[in-house]
PDB file of all heavy atoms in Angstrom:
ATOM      1  N   THR A   1      91.768 110.947 120.691  1.00  0.00           N
ATOM      2  CA  THR A   1      91.096 112.163 120.229  1.00  0.00           C
ATOM      3  C   THR A   1      90.145 111.852 119.083  1.00  0.00           C
ATOM      4  O   THR A   1      89.003 112.333 119.058  1.00  0.00           O
ATOM      5  CB  THR A   1      92.131 113.217 119.793  1.00  0.00           C
ATOM      6  OG1 THR A   1      92.955 113.538 120.914  1.00  0.00           O
ATOM      7  CG2 THR A   1      91.453 114.475 119.283  1.00  0.00           C
ATOM      8  N   TYR A   2      90.610 111.051 118.133  1.00  0.00           N
ATOM      9  CA  TYR A   2      89.755 110.703 116.993  1.00  0.00           C
ATOM     10  C   TYR A   2      88.537 109.908 117.441  1.00  0.00           C
ATOM     11  O   TYR A   2      87.408 110.197 117.041  1.00  0.00           O
ATOM     12  CB  TYR A   2      90.558 109.939 115.934  1.00  0.00           C
ATOM     13  CG  TYR A   2      89.749 109.547 114.723  1.00  0.00           C
ATOM     14  CD1 TYR A   2      88.868 110.448 114.118  1.00  0.00           C
ATOM     15  CD2 TYR A   2      89.852 108.273 114.170  1.00  0.00           C
ATOM     16  CE1 TYR A   2      88.122 110.088 113.007  1.00  0.00           C
ATOM     17  CE2 TYR A   2      89.119 107.913 113.058  1.00  0.00           C
ATOM     18  CZ  TYR A   2      88.245 108.820 112.479  1.00  0.00           C
ATOM     19  OH  TYR A   2      87.510 108.461 111.384  1.00  0.00           O
ATOM     20  N   VAL A   3      88.735 108.930 118.291  1.00  0.00           N
ATOM     21  CA  VAL A   3      87.607 108.125 118.776  1.00  0.00           C
ATOM     22  C   VAL A   3      86.638 108.984 119.580  1.00  0.00           C
ATOM     23  O   VAL A   3      85.415 108.835 119.468  1.00  0.00           O
ATOM     24  CB  VAL A   3      88.105 106.921 119.590  1.00  0.00           C
ATOM     25  CG1 VAL A   3      86.939 106.199 120.269  1.00  0.00           C
ATOM     26  CG2 VAL A   3      88.867 105.940 118.681  1.00  0.00           C
ATOM     27  N   ALA A   4      87.156 109.943 120.355  1.00  0.00           N
ATOM     28  CA  ALA A   4      86.294 110.832 121.142  1.00  0.00           C
ATOM     29  C   ALA A   4      85.405 111.696 120.262  1.00  0.00           C
ATOM     30  O   ALA A   4      84.349 112.165 120.703  1.00  0.00           O
ATOM     31  CB  ALA A   4      87.133 111.707 122.058  1.00  0.00           C
ATOM     32  N   SER A   5      85.778 111.879 118.993  1.00  0.00           N
ATOM     33  CA  SER A   5      84.936 112.659 118.069  1.00  0.00           C
ATOM     34  C   SER A   5      83.619 111.940 117.772  1.00  0.00           C
ATOM     35  O   SER A   5      82.655 112.557 117.324  1.00  0.00           O
ATOM     36  CB  SER A   5      85.679 112.906 116.750  1.00  0.00           C
ATOM     37  OG  SER A   5      85.712 111.726 115.948  1.00  0.00           O
ATOM     38  N   GLY A   6      83.597 110.624 118.006  1.00  0.00           N
ATOM     39  CA  GLY A   6      82.402 109.830 117.737  1.00  0.00           C
ATOM     40  C   GLY A   6      82.326 109.267 116.336  1.00  0.00           C
ATOM     41  O   GLY A   6      81.594 108.312 116.081  1.00  0.00           O
ATOM     42  N   GLU A   7      83.084 109.837 115.413  1.00  0.00           N
ATOM     43  CA  GLU A   7      83.000 109.393 114.019  1.00  0.00           C
ATOM     44  C   GLU A   7      83.325 107.910 113.827  1.00  0.00           C
ATOM     45  O   GLU A   7      82.596 107.206 113.103  1.00  0.00           O
ATOM     46  CB  GLU A   7      83.904 110.250 113.133  1.00  0.00           C
ATOM     47  CG  GLU A   7      83.821 109.876 111.663  1.00  0.00           C
ATOM     48  CD  GLU A   7      84.734 110.727 110.802  1.00  0.00           C
ATOM     49  OE1 GLU A   7      85.928 110.384 110.685  1.00  0.00           O
ATOM     50  OE2 GLU A   7      84.247 111.722 110.238  1.00  0.00           O
ATOM     51  N   PRO A   8      84.392 107.394 114.446  1.00  0.00           N
ATOM     52  CA  PRO A   8      84.739 105.993 114.208  1.00  0.00           C
ATOM     53  C   PRO A   8      83.649 104.997 114.604  1.00  0.00           C
ATOM     54  O   PRO A   8      83.619 103.881 114.088  1.00  0.00           O
ATOM     55  CB  PRO A   8      85.995 105.787 115.062  1.00  0.00           C
ATOM     56  CG  PRO A   8      86.579 107.134 115.209  1.00  0.00           C
ATOM     57  CD  PRO A   8      85.399 108.064 115.283  1.00  0.00           C
ATOM     58  N   LEU A   9      82.751 105.392 115.500  1.00  0.00           N
ATOM     59  CA  LEU A   9      81.700 104.480 115.954  1.00  0.00           C
ATOM     60  C   LEU A   9      80.580 104.327 114.922  1.00  0.00           C
ATOM     61  O   LEU A   9      79.766 103.409 115.017  1.00  0.00           O
ATOM     62  CB  LEU A   9      81.109 104.977 117.278  1.00  0.00           C
ATOM     63  CG  LEU A   9      82.110 105.074 118.433  1.00  0.00           C
ATOM     64  CD1 LEU A   9      81.438 105.646 119.667  1.00  0.00           C
ATOM     65  CD2 LEU A   9      82.724 103.718 118.731  1.00  0.00           C
ATOM     66  N   ALA A  10      80.552 105.220 113.936  1.00  0.00           N
ATOM     67  CA  ALA A  10      79.443 105.226 112.977  1.00  0.00           C
ATOM     68  C   ALA A  10      79.808 104.681 111.608  1.00  0.00           C
ATOM     69  O   ALA A  10      78.966 104.657 110.708  1.00  0.00           O
ATOM     70  CB  ALA A  10      78.916 106.655 112.823  1.00  0.00           C
ATOM     71  N   VAL A  11      81.064 104.226 111.451  1.00  0.00           N
ATOM     72  CA  VAL A  11      81.508 103.830 110.112  1.00  0.00           C
ATOM     73  C   VAL A  11      82.273 102.503 110.126  1.00  0.00           C
ATOM     74  O   VAL A  11      82.922 102.158 111.099  1.00  0.00           O
ATOM     75  CB  VAL A  11      82.395 104.933 109.481  1.00  0.00           C
ATOM     76  CG1 VAL A  11      81.564 106.165 109.148  1.00  0.00           C
ATOM     77  CG2 VAL A  11      83.551 105.315 110.392  1.00  0.00           C
ATOM     78  N   ALA A  12      82.175 101.799 109.012  1.00  0.00           N
ATOM     79  CA  ALA A  12      82.886 100.529 108.856  1.00  0.00           C
ATOM     80  C   ALA A  12      84.385 100.752 108.937  1.00  0.00           C
ATOM     81  O   ALA A  12      84.913 101.706 108.366  1.00  0.00           O
ATOM     82  CB  ALA A  12      82.530  99.897 107.515  1.00  0.00           C
ATOM     83  N   GLY A  13      85.065  99.877 109.671  1.00  0.00           N
ATOM     84  CA  GLY A  13      86.501  99.992 109.814  1.00  0.00           C
ATOM     85  C   GLY A  13      86.939 101.058 110.784  1.00  0.00           C
ATOM     86  O   GLY A  13      88.127 101.273 110.982  1.00  0.00           O
ATOM     87  N   ALA A  14      85.998 101.773 111.379  1.00  0.00           N
ATOM     88  CA  ALA A  14      86.272 102.831 112.368  1.00  0.00           C
ATOM     89  C   ALA A  14      87.027 104.014 111.785  1.00  0.00           C
ATOM     90  O   ALA A  14      87.756 104.700 112.488  1.00  0.00           O
ATOM     91  CB  ALA A  14      87.015 102.261 113.584  1.00  0.00           C
ATOM     92  N   PHE A  15      86.864 104.260 110.469  1.00  0.00           N
ATOM     93  CA  PHE A  15      87.546 105.409 109.869  1.00  0.00           C
ATOM     94  C   PHE A  15      86.769 105.927 108.664  1.00  0.00           C
ATOM     95  O   PHE A  15      85.961 105.215 108.074  1.00  0.00           O
ATOM     96  CB  PHE A  15      88.966 105.036 109.425  1.00  0.00           C
ATOM     97  CG  PHE A  15      89.017 104.274 108.127  1.00  0.00           C
ATOM     98  CD1 PHE A  15      89.295 104.918 106.934  1.00  0.00           C
ATOM     99  CD2 PHE A  15      88.772 102.905 108.092  1.00  0.00           C
ATOM    100  CE1 PHE A  15      89.339 104.217 105.734  1.00  0.00           C
ATOM    101  CE2 PHE A  15      88.801 102.193 106.905  1.00  0.00           C
ATOM    102  CZ  PHE A  15      89.095 102.861 105.720  1.00  0.00           C
ATOM    103  N   THR A  16      87.044 107.178 108.325  1.00  0.00           N
ATOM    104  CA  THR A  16      86.575 107.754 107.066  1.00  0.00           C
ATOM    105  C   THR A  16      87.806 108.260 106.327  1.00  0.00           C
ATOM    106  O   THR A  16      88.849 108.528 106.921  1.00  0.00           O
ATOM    107  CB  THR A  16      85.625 108.950 107.287  1.00  0.00           C
ATOM    108  OG1 THR A  16      86.346 109.978 107.969  1.00  0.00           O
ATOM    109  CG2 THR A  16      84.395 108.545 108.080  1.00  0.00           C
ATOM    110  N   VAL A  17      87.660 108.414 105.026  1.00  0.00           N
ATOM    111  CA  VAL A  17      88.721 109.025 104.231  1.00  0.00           C
ATOM    112  C   VAL A  17      88.314 110.427 103.817  1.00  0.00           C
ATOM    113  O   VAL A  17      89.151 111.249 103.454  1.00  0.00           O
ATOM    114  CB  VAL A  17      89.062 108.160 103.004  1.00  0.00           C
ATOM    115  CG1 VAL A  17      87.933 108.153 101.985  1.00  0.00           C
ATOM    116  CG2 VAL A  17      90.363 108.590 102.362  1.00  0.00           C
ATOM    117  N   ASP A  18      87.019 110.723 103.896  1.00  0.00           N
ATOM    118  CA  ASP A  18      86.483 111.984 103.389  1.00  0.00           C
ATOM    119  C   ASP A  18      86.056 112.940 104.499  1.00  0.00           C
ATOM    120  O   ASP A  18      85.379 113.928 104.240  1.00  0.00           O
ATOM    121  CB  ASP A  18      85.299 111.702 102.468  1.00  0.00           C
ATOM    122  CG  ASP A  18      84.179 110.956 103.166  1.00  0.00           C
ATOM    123  OD1 ASP A  18      84.456 110.269 104.174  1.00  0.00           O
ATOM    124  OD2 ASP A  18      83.025 111.046 102.707  1.00  0.00           O
ATOM    125  N   SER A  19      86.447 112.662 105.730  1.00  0.00           N
ATOM    126  CA  SER A  19      86.026 113.506 106.846  1.00  0.00           C
ATOM    127  C   SER A  19      87.149 113.541 107.890  1.00  0.00           C
ATOM    128  O   SER A  19      88.317 113.629 107.542  1.00  0.00           O
ATOM    129  CB  SER A  19      84.712 112.958 107.431  1.00  0.00           C
ATOM    130  OG  SER A  19      84.145 113.866 108.332  1.00  0.00           O
ATOM    131  N   LEU A  20      86.801 113.432 109.163  1.00  0.00           N
ATOM    132  CA  LEU A  20      87.788 113.565 110.241  1.00  0.00           C
ATOM    133  C   LEU A  20      88.914 112.535 110.179  1.00  0.00           C
ATOM    134  O   LEU A  20      90.037 112.802 110.592  1.00  0.00           O
ATOM    135  CB  LEU A  20      87.092 113.465 111.605  1.00  0.00           C
ATOM    136  CG  LEU A  20      86.008 114.513 111.895  1.00  0.00           C
ATOM    137  CD1 LEU A  20      85.364 114.232 113.253  1.00  0.00           C
ATOM    138  CD2 LEU A  20      86.571 115.917 111.842  1.00  0.00           C
ATOM    139  N   GLY A  21      88.611 111.362 109.656  1.00  0.00           N
ATOM    140  CA  GLY A  21      89.623 110.306 109.580  1.00  0.00           C
ATOM    141  C   GLY A  21      90.616 110.465 108.453  1.00  0.00           C
ATOM    142  O   GLY A  21      91.627 109.760 108.400  1.00  0.00           O
ATOM    143  N   GLY A  22      90.363 111.397 107.537  1.00  0.00           N
ATOM    144  CA  GLY A  22      91.257 111.589 106.400  1.00  0.00           C
ATOM    145  C   GLY A  22      92.690 111.917 106.780  1.00  0.00           C
ATOM    146  O   GLY A  22      93.631 111.609 106.034  1.00  0.00           O
ATOM    147  N   TRP A  23      92.881 112.501 107.954  1.00  0.00           N
ATOM    148  CA  TRP A  23      94.229 112.814 108.436  1.00  0.00           C
ATOM    149  C   TRP A  23      95.078 111.567 108.641  1.00  0.00           C
ATOM    150  O   TRP A  23      96.313 111.634 108.634  1.00  0.00           O
ATOM    151  CB  TRP A  23      94.147 113.542 109.789  1.00  0.00           C
ATOM    152  CG  TRP A  23      93.452 114.858 109.751  1.00  0.00           C
ATOM    153  CD1 TRP A  23      92.139 115.098 110.053  1.00  0.00           C
ATOM    154  CD2 TRP A  23      94.015 116.120 109.400  1.00  0.00           C
ATOM    155  NE1 TRP A  23      91.854 116.431 109.920  1.00  0.00           N
ATOM    156  CE2 TRP A  23      92.990 117.082 109.520  1.00  0.00           C
ATOM    157  CE3 TRP A  23      95.296 116.533 109.007  1.00  0.00           C
ATOM    158  CZ2 TRP A  23      93.205 118.429 109.256  1.00  0.00           C
ATOM    159  CZ3 TRP A  23      95.502 117.874 108.743  1.00  0.00           C
ATOM    160  CH2 TRP A  23      94.471 118.809 108.869  1.00  0.00           C
ATOM    161  N   PHE A  24      94.418 110.448 108.841  1.00  0.00           N
ATOM    162  CA  PHE A  24      95.123 109.233 109.262  1.00  0.00           C
ATOM    163  C   PHE A  24      95.166 108.159 108.175  1.00  0.00           C
ATOM    164  O   PHE A  24      95.547 107.026 108.443  1.00  0.00           O
ATOM    165  CB  PHE A  24      94.469 108.684 110.528  1.00  0.00           C
ATOM    166  CG  PHE A  24      94.215 109.767 111.558  1.00  0.00           C
ATOM    167  CD1 PHE A  24      92.926 110.106 111.926  1.00  0.00           C
ATOM    168  CD2 PHE A  24      95.275 110.470 112.116  1.00  0.00           C
ATOM    169  CE1 PHE A  24      92.688 111.123 112.838  1.00  0.00           C
ATOM    170  CE2 PHE A  24      95.054 111.485 113.038  1.00  0.00           C
ATOM    171  CZ  PHE A  24      93.752 111.817 113.406  1.00  0.00           C
ATOM    172  N   VAL A  25      94.778 108.508 106.961  1.00  0.00           N
ATOM    173  CA  VAL A  25      94.861 107.591 105.820  1.00  0.00           C
ATOM    174  C   VAL A  25      96.012 108.072 104.943  1.00  0.00           C
ATOM    175  O   VAL A  25      95.922 109.110 104.298  1.00  0.00           O
ATOM    176  CB  VAL A  25      93.539 107.563 105.022  1.00  0.00           C
ATOM    177  CG1 VAL A  25      93.686 106.683 103.788  1.00  0.00           C
ATOM    178  CG2 VAL A  25      92.399 107.059 105.900  1.00  0.00           C
ATOM    179  N   GLU A  26      97.104 107.340 104.959  1.00  0.00           N
ATOM    180  CA  GLU A  26      98.303 107.779 104.238  1.00  0.00           C
ATOM    181  C   GLU A  26      98.208 107.552 102.743  1.00  0.00           C
ATOM    182  O   GLU A  26      98.714 108.349 101.953  1.00  0.00           O
ATOM    183  CB  GLU A  26      99.536 107.068 104.794  1.00  0.00           C
ATOM    184  CG  GLU A  26      99.922 107.556 106.167  1.00  0.00           C
ATOM    185  CD  GLU A  26     101.264 107.019 106.623  1.00  0.00           C
ATOM    186  OE1 GLU A  26     101.749 106.006 106.056  1.00  0.00           O
ATOM    187  OE2 GLU A  26     101.828 107.615 107.557  1.00  0.00           O
ATOM    188  N   SER A  27      97.582 106.459 102.345  1.00  0.00           N
ATOM    189  CA  SER A  27      97.473 106.196 100.912  1.00  0.00           C
ATOM    190  C   SER A  27      96.344 105.211 100.644  1.00  0.00           C
ATOM    191  O   SER A  27      95.915 104.470 101.528  1.00  0.00           O
ATOM    192  CB  SER A  27      98.786 105.648 100.343  1.00  0.00           C
ATOM    193  OG  SER A  27      99.086 104.384 100.904  1.00  0.00           O
ATOM    194  N   ILE A  28      95.912 105.250  99.394  1.00  0.00           N
ATOM    195  CA  ILE A  28      94.857 104.349  98.923  1.00  0.00           C
ATOM    196  C   ILE A  28      95.316 103.773  97.591  1.00  0.00           C
ATOM    197  O   ILE A  28      95.826 104.505  96.738  1.00  0.00           O
ATOM    198  CB  ILE A  28      93.535 105.109  98.732  1.00  0.00           C
ATOM    199  CG1 ILE A  28      92.965 105.520 100.085  1.00  0.00           C
ATOM    200  CG2 ILE A  28      92.516 104.274  97.975  1.00  0.00           C
ATOM    201  CD1 ILE A  28      91.752 106.400  99.974  1.00  0.00           C
ATOM    202  N   ARG A  29      95.130 102.482  97.445  1.00  0.00           N
ATOM    203  CA  ARG A  29      95.443 101.845  96.164  1.00  0.00           C
ATOM    204  C   ARG A  29      94.159 101.244  95.629  1.00  0.00           C
ATOM    205  O   ARG A  29      93.687 100.211  96.121  1.00  0.00           O
ATOM    206  CB  ARG A  29      96.505 100.766  96.366  1.00  0.00           C
ATOM    207  CG  ARG A  29      97.110 100.294  95.080  1.00  0.00           C
ATOM    208  CD  ARG A  29      98.378  99.533  95.378  1.00  0.00           C
ATOM    209  NE  ARG A  29      98.495  98.437  94.433  1.00  0.00           N
ATOM    210  CZ  ARG A  29      99.212  97.362  94.624  1.00  0.00           C
ATOM    211  NH1 ARG A  29      99.855  97.200  95.750  1.00  0.00           N
ATOM    212  NH2 ARG A  29      99.282  96.435  93.719  1.00  0.00           N
ATOM    213  N   GLY A  30      93.568 101.933  94.658  1.00  0.00           N
ATOM    214  CA  GLY A  30      92.282 101.517  94.112  1.00  0.00           C
ATOM    215  C   GLY A  30      91.325 102.685  94.087  1.00  0.00           C
ATOM    216  O   GLY A  30      91.730 103.850  94.124  1.00  0.00           O
TER     217      GLY A  30
END
């Protein structure tokens, strides 16, 4: 579902933390 949104194809690492991918980032250190 996330990949079908198209967002992962436009960003490094195939994820964002500030948009649709934020649901799937559990924590950040730094």
